Amino acid sequence: EVSPSGMGAYHGKYTFLTFSHQKSVLVRDFSAFGEYLGESRYPPYSMSKIKRMQLLVKNRKIPGFLRLLPYVACFVFGGAAAVATRILARKYGFQGHLPEWF
């Protein structure tokens, strides 16, 4: 005898779903160029694949002026955000909610 709890009610599609261990799958599209570069990882290794991998893992020096680029970008965007906030506050009348120096 089956109790009203539902024991024994596994039939068809829901039986399969209940007893299956579903896992998520990540699908990435690297386009044709990405696949071309990525296929170098797998054997058989020809000289062209070895040269391609050497090109990809080559240690390159970053020019000195580019090392400061993230800091300069943060400074510029921070200044622009402050100016934009000030303009919008004046335009929409939020003067009473801002510090006096603003």
N, C-alpha and C. Protein backbone atom coordinates (compact mmCIF):
# COMPACT_ATOMS: atom_id res chain seq x y z
N GLU A 1 0.85 -1.18 0.00
CA GLU A 1 0.00 0.00 0.00
C GLU A 1 0.90 1.24 0.00
N VAL A 2 0.52 2.27 -0.75
CA VAL A 2 1.27 3.50 -0.87
C VAL A 2 0.61 4.56 0.00
N SER A 3 1.41 5.24 0.77
CA SER A 3 0.87 6.28 1.65
C SER A 3 0.59 7.54 0.83
N PRO A 4 -0.19 8.49 1.37
CA PRO A 4 -0.50 9.70 0.62
C PRO A 4 0.68 10.67 0.46
N SER A 5 1.85 10.29 0.97
CA SER A 5 3.00 11.19 0.87
C SER A 5 3.58 11.23 -0.54
N GLY A 6 3.14 10.33 -1.40
CA GLY A 6 3.62 10.35 -2.77
C GLY A 6 4.67 9.31 -3.06
N MET A 7 5.02 8.49 -2.10
CA MET A 7 6.01 7.43 -2.35
C MET A 7 5.47 6.50 -3.41
N GLY A 8 6.27 6.15 -4.34
CA GLY A 8 5.86 5.26 -5.41
C GLY A 8 5.25 5.98 -6.59
N ALA A 9 5.29 7.30 -6.60
CA ALA A 9 4.68 8.08 -7.67
C ALA A 9 5.70 8.53 -8.71
N TYR A 10 6.80 7.80 -8.84
CA TYR A 10 7.82 8.18 -9.80
C TYR A 10 7.59 7.45 -11.11
N HIS A 11 7.12 8.17 -12.11
CA HIS A 11 6.88 7.56 -13.41
C HIS A 11 7.26 8.56 -14.50
N GLY A 12 7.84 8.08 -15.58
CA GLY A 12 8.08 8.89 -16.75
C GLY A 12 9.15 9.95 -16.58
N LYS A 13 8.86 11.13 -17.10
CA LYS A 13 9.81 12.24 -17.14
C LYS A 13 10.27 12.64 -15.74
N TYR A 14 9.37 12.70 -14.80
CA TYR A 14 9.71 13.17 -13.46
C TYR A 14 10.56 12.16 -12.70
N THR A 15 10.43 10.88 -13.04
CA THR A 15 11.32 9.88 -12.46
C THR A 15 12.74 10.15 -12.91
N PHE A 16 12.90 10.39 -14.19
CA PHE A 16 14.24 10.68 -14.72
C PHE A 16 14.81 11.93 -14.08
N LEU A 17 14.03 13.00 -13.98
CA LEU A 17 14.52 14.25 -13.40
C LEU A 17 14.84 14.09 -11.92
N THR A 18 14.07 13.31 -11.20
CA THR A 18 14.30 13.12 -9.77
C THR A 18 15.61 12.41 -9.51
N PHE A 19 15.89 11.39 -10.29
CA PHE A 19 17.07 10.57 -10.02
C PHE A 19 18.28 10.95 -10.88
N SER A 20 18.20 12.05 -11.60
CA SER A 20 19.33 12.52 -12.39
C SER A 20 20.07 13.60 -11.61
N HIS A 21 21.37 13.59 -11.73
CA HIS A 21 22.19 14.63 -11.10
C HIS A 21 22.54 15.65 -12.17
N GLN A 22 21.77 16.73 -12.23
CA GLN A 22 21.97 17.72 -13.27
C GLN A 22 23.12 18.64 -12.89
N LYS A 23 23.91 18.98 -13.86
CA LYS A 23 25.04 19.88 -13.66
C LYS A 23 24.96 21.01 -14.66
N SER A 24 25.48 22.15 -14.27
CA SER A 24 25.50 23.28 -15.19
C SER A 24 26.66 23.11 -16.17
N VAL A 25 26.50 23.71 -17.33
CA VAL A 25 27.50 23.62 -18.38
C VAL A 25 27.81 25.03 -18.86
N LEU A 26 29.08 25.37 -18.92
CA LEU A 26 29.51 26.67 -19.41
C LEU A 26 29.90 26.53 -20.88
N VAL A 27 29.28 27.33 -21.72
CA VAL A 27 29.57 27.31 -23.14
C VAL A 27 30.21 28.64 -23.51
N ARG A 28 31.37 28.57 -24.10
CA ARG A 28 32.07 29.79 -24.51
C ARG A 28 32.25 29.77 -26.02
N ASP A 29 32.07 30.92 -26.63
CA ASP A 29 32.29 31.05 -28.06
C ASP A 29 33.52 31.90 -28.27
N PHE A 30 34.59 31.28 -28.70
CA PHE A 30 35.84 32.00 -28.91
C PHE A 30 36.02 32.48 -30.34
N SER A 31 35.05 32.29 -31.19
CA SER A 31 35.10 32.63 -32.60
C SER A 31 36.20 31.80 -33.29
N ALA A 32 36.31 31.97 -34.57
CA ALA A 32 37.27 31.18 -35.34
C ALA A 32 38.71 31.51 -34.94
N PHE A 33 38.98 32.78 -34.66
CA PHE A 33 40.35 33.16 -34.29
C PHE A 33 40.73 32.56 -32.94
N GLY A 34 39.81 32.62 -31.98
CA GLY A 34 40.08 32.04 -30.67
C GLY A 34 40.29 30.54 -30.73
N GLU A 35 39.49 29.87 -31.54
CA GLU A 35 39.65 28.43 -31.70
C GLU A 35 40.99 28.11 -32.37
N TYR A 36 41.40 28.94 -33.31
CA TYR A 36 42.68 28.74 -33.98
C TYR A 36 43.83 28.83 -32.97
N LEU A 37 43.76 29.82 -32.09
CA LEU A 37 44.81 29.96 -31.08
C LEU A 37 44.72 28.85 -30.03
N GLY A 38 43.50 28.48 -29.66
CA GLY A 38 43.32 27.48 -28.62
C GLY A 38 43.69 26.08 -29.03
N GLU A 39 43.60 25.77 -30.31
CA GLU A 39 43.91 24.42 -30.75
C GLU A 39 45.40 24.09 -30.60
N SER A 40 46.20 25.10 -30.34
CA SER A 40 47.64 24.88 -30.16
C SER A 40 47.93 24.08 -28.90
N ARG A 41 46.99 24.05 -27.96
CA ARG A 41 47.22 23.38 -26.69
C ARG A 41 47.22 21.86 -26.81
N TYR A 42 46.63 21.34 -27.86
CA TYR A 42 46.41 19.90 -27.93
C TYR A 42 47.35 19.24 -28.94
N PRO A 43 47.81 18.02 -28.64
CA PRO A 43 48.66 17.30 -29.57
C PRO A 43 47.88 16.89 -30.81
N PRO A 44 48.55 16.57 -31.87
CA PRO A 44 49.99 16.49 -32.08
C PRO A 44 50.61 17.89 -32.24
N TYR A 45 51.78 18.06 -31.68
CA TYR A 45 52.45 19.35 -31.69
C TYR A 45 53.35 19.46 -32.92
N SER A 46 52.98 20.33 -33.82
CA SER A 46 53.81 20.59 -34.99
C SER A 46 54.66 21.83 -34.69
N MET A 47 55.59 22.12 -35.57
CA MET A 47 56.44 23.31 -35.35
C MET A 47 55.62 24.59 -35.41
N SER A 48 54.58 24.62 -36.24
CA SER A 48 53.75 25.83 -36.31
C SER A 48 52.99 26.04 -35.01
N LYS A 49 52.52 24.95 -34.38
CA LYS A 49 51.83 25.08 -33.09
C LYS A 49 52.78 25.53 -31.99
N ILE A 50 53.99 25.01 -32.01
CA ILE A 50 54.98 25.40 -30.99
C ILE A 50 55.33 26.87 -31.13
N LYS A 51 55.52 27.33 -32.36
CA LYS A 51 55.83 28.75 -32.58
C LYS A 51 54.66 29.64 -32.15
N ARG A 52 53.44 29.19 -32.43
CA ARG A 52 52.26 29.96 -32.04
C ARG A 52 52.17 30.07 -30.51
N MET A 53 52.43 28.97 -29.80
CA MET A 53 52.40 29.00 -28.33
C MET A 53 53.51 29.88 -27.78
N GLN A 54 54.68 29.84 -28.37
CA GLN A 54 55.78 30.69 -27.93
C GLN A 54 55.42 32.16 -28.11
N LEU A 55 54.72 32.48 -29.18
CA LEU A 55 54.29 33.85 -29.41
C LEU A 55 53.27 34.29 -28.36
N LEU A 56 52.36 33.38 -27.98
CA LEU A 56 51.33 33.72 -27.00
C LEU A 56 51.87 33.90 -25.59
N VAL A 57 52.88 33.14 -25.20
CA VAL A 57 53.40 33.21 -23.83
C VAL A 57 54.65 34.06 -23.71
N LYS A 58 55.02 34.74 -24.76
CA LYS A 58 56.21 35.58 -24.76
C LYS A 58 56.07 36.70 -23.73
N ASN A 59 57.12 36.92 -22.96
CA ASN A 59 57.12 37.97 -21.95
C ASN A 59 57.43 39.31 -22.64
N ARG A 60 56.48 40.21 -22.58
CA ARG A 60 56.64 41.50 -23.25
C ARG A 60 56.77 42.60 -22.20
N LYS A 61 57.62 43.53 -22.46
CA LYS A 61 57.80 44.68 -21.57
C LYS A 61 56.73 45.72 -21.88
N ILE A 62 56.14 46.26 -20.83
CA ILE A 62 55.15 47.32 -20.99
C ILE A 62 55.89 48.65 -20.98
N PRO A 63 55.64 49.53 -21.96
CA PRO A 63 56.30 50.84 -21.96
C PRO A 63 55.97 51.61 -20.68
N GLY A 64 56.92 52.42 -20.24
CA GLY A 64 56.79 53.14 -18.97
C GLY A 64 55.55 54.01 -18.87
N PHE A 65 55.20 54.71 -19.95
CA PHE A 65 54.06 55.62 -19.86
C PHE A 65 52.74 54.86 -19.75
N LEU A 66 52.68 53.61 -20.20
CA LEU A 66 51.44 52.83 -20.09
C LEU A 66 51.21 52.27 -18.69
N ARG A 67 52.27 52.20 -17.89
CA ARG A 67 52.11 51.71 -16.51
C ARG A 67 51.28 52.66 -15.67
N LEU A 68 51.34 53.95 -15.99
CA LEU A 68 50.60 54.94 -15.22
C LEU A 68 49.19 55.16 -15.75
N LEU A 69 48.85 54.56 -16.86
CA LEU A 69 47.55 54.78 -17.49
C LEU A 69 46.36 54.48 -16.57
N PRO A 70 46.34 53.38 -15.82
CA PRO A 70 45.19 53.15 -14.93
C PRO A 70 45.02 54.25 -13.88
N TYR A 71 46.11 54.75 -13.34
CA TYR A 71 46.04 55.81 -12.32
C TYR A 71 45.52 57.12 -12.93
N VAL A 72 46.02 57.43 -14.11
CA VAL A 72 45.58 58.66 -14.79
C VAL A 72 44.10 58.55 -15.15
N ALA A 73 43.67 57.38 -15.63
CA ALA A 73 42.27 57.19 -15.99
C ALA A 73 41.37 57.34 -14.77
N CYS A 74 41.75 56.78 -13.64
CA CYS A 74 40.96 56.93 -12.41
C CYS A 74 40.88 58.38 -11.98
N PHE A 75 41.97 59.09 -12.08
CA PHE A 75 41.99 60.51 -11.71
C PHE A 75 41.06 61.31 -12.62
N VAL A 76 41.14 61.08 -13.92
CA VAL A 76 40.32 61.81 -14.88
C VAL A 76 38.84 61.49 -14.67
N PHE A 77 38.50 60.21 -14.54
CA PHE A 77 37.10 59.83 -14.35
C PHE A 77 36.56 60.33 -13.02
N GLY A 78 37.39 60.34 -11.99
CA GLY A 78 36.95 60.88 -10.70
C GLY A 78 36.67 62.37 -10.79
N GLY A 79 37.53 63.11 -11.46
CA GLY A 79 37.30 64.55 -11.65
C GLY A 79 36.06 64.82 -12.48
N ALA A 80 35.87 64.03 -13.53
CA ALA A 80 34.70 64.19 -14.38
C ALA A 80 33.41 63.88 -13.61
N ALA A 81 33.45 62.88 -12.75
CA ALA A 81 32.27 62.55 -11.94
C ALA A 81 31.95 63.67 -10.97
N ALA A 82 32.97 64.29 -10.38
CA ALA A 82 32.74 65.40 -9.45
C ALA A 82 32.13 66.59 -10.18
N VAL A 83 32.65 66.90 -11.36
CA VAL A 83 32.12 68.03 -12.13
C VAL A 83 30.69 67.74 -12.57
N ALA A 84 30.42 66.52 -13.04
CA ALA A 84 29.07 66.16 -13.47
C ALA A 84 28.09 66.23 -12.30
N THR A 85 28.51 65.79 -11.12
CA THR A 85 27.65 65.86 -9.94
C THR A 85 27.32 67.30 -9.60
N ARG A 86 28.30 68.15 -9.68
CA ARG A 86 28.08 69.57 -9.37
C ARG A 86 27.11 70.21 -10.36
N ILE A 87 27.28 69.91 -11.64
CA ILE A 87 26.40 70.47 -12.68
C ILE A 87 24.97 69.97 -12.48
N LEU A 88 24.81 68.68 -12.24
CA LEU A 88 23.47 68.12 -12.06
C LEU A 88 22.81 68.64 -10.78
N ALA A 89 23.59 68.83 -9.73
CA ALA A 89 23.03 69.35 -8.48
C ALA A 89 22.51 70.77 -8.67
N ARG A 90 23.24 71.56 -9.40
CA ARG A 90 22.79 72.94 -9.66
C ARG A 90 21.58 72.96 -10.59
N LYS A 91 21.58 72.06 -11.58
CA LYS A 91 20.49 72.04 -12.55
C LYS A 91 19.17 71.63 -11.91
N TYR A 92 19.22 70.65 -11.01
CA TYR A 92 17.99 70.13 -10.42
C TYR A 92 17.71 70.65 -9.02
N GLY A 93 18.48 71.64 -8.56
CA GLY A 93 18.18 72.33 -7.32
C GLY A 93 18.45 71.56 -6.04
N PHE A 94 19.52 70.82 -5.97
CA PHE A 94 19.88 70.11 -4.75
C PHE A 94 20.89 70.90 -3.92
N GLN A 95 20.86 72.19 -3.98
CA GLN A 95 21.85 73.02 -3.31
C GLN A 95 21.80 72.86 -1.80
N GLY A 96 20.61 72.68 -1.23
CA GLY A 96 20.50 72.59 0.22
C GLY A 96 21.06 71.30 0.78
N HIS A 97 21.24 70.28 -0.05
CA HIS A 97 21.70 68.99 0.42
C HIS A 97 23.20 68.80 0.25
N LEU A 98 23.86 69.80 -0.27
CA LEU A 98 25.28 69.69 -0.53
C LEU A 98 26.07 70.53 0.46
N PRO A 99 27.31 70.15 0.73
CA PRO A 99 28.14 70.98 1.61
C PRO A 99 28.34 72.37 1.02
N GLU A 100 28.67 73.33 1.86
CA GLU A 100 28.83 74.71 1.41
C GLU A 100 29.96 74.86 0.40
N TRP A 101 31.02 74.10 0.57
CA TRP A 101 32.16 74.23 -0.34
C TRP A 101 31.85 73.70 -1.72
N PHE A 102 30.74 72.96 -1.88
CA PHE A 102 30.39 72.37 -3.15
C PHE A 102 29.71 73.42 -3.99
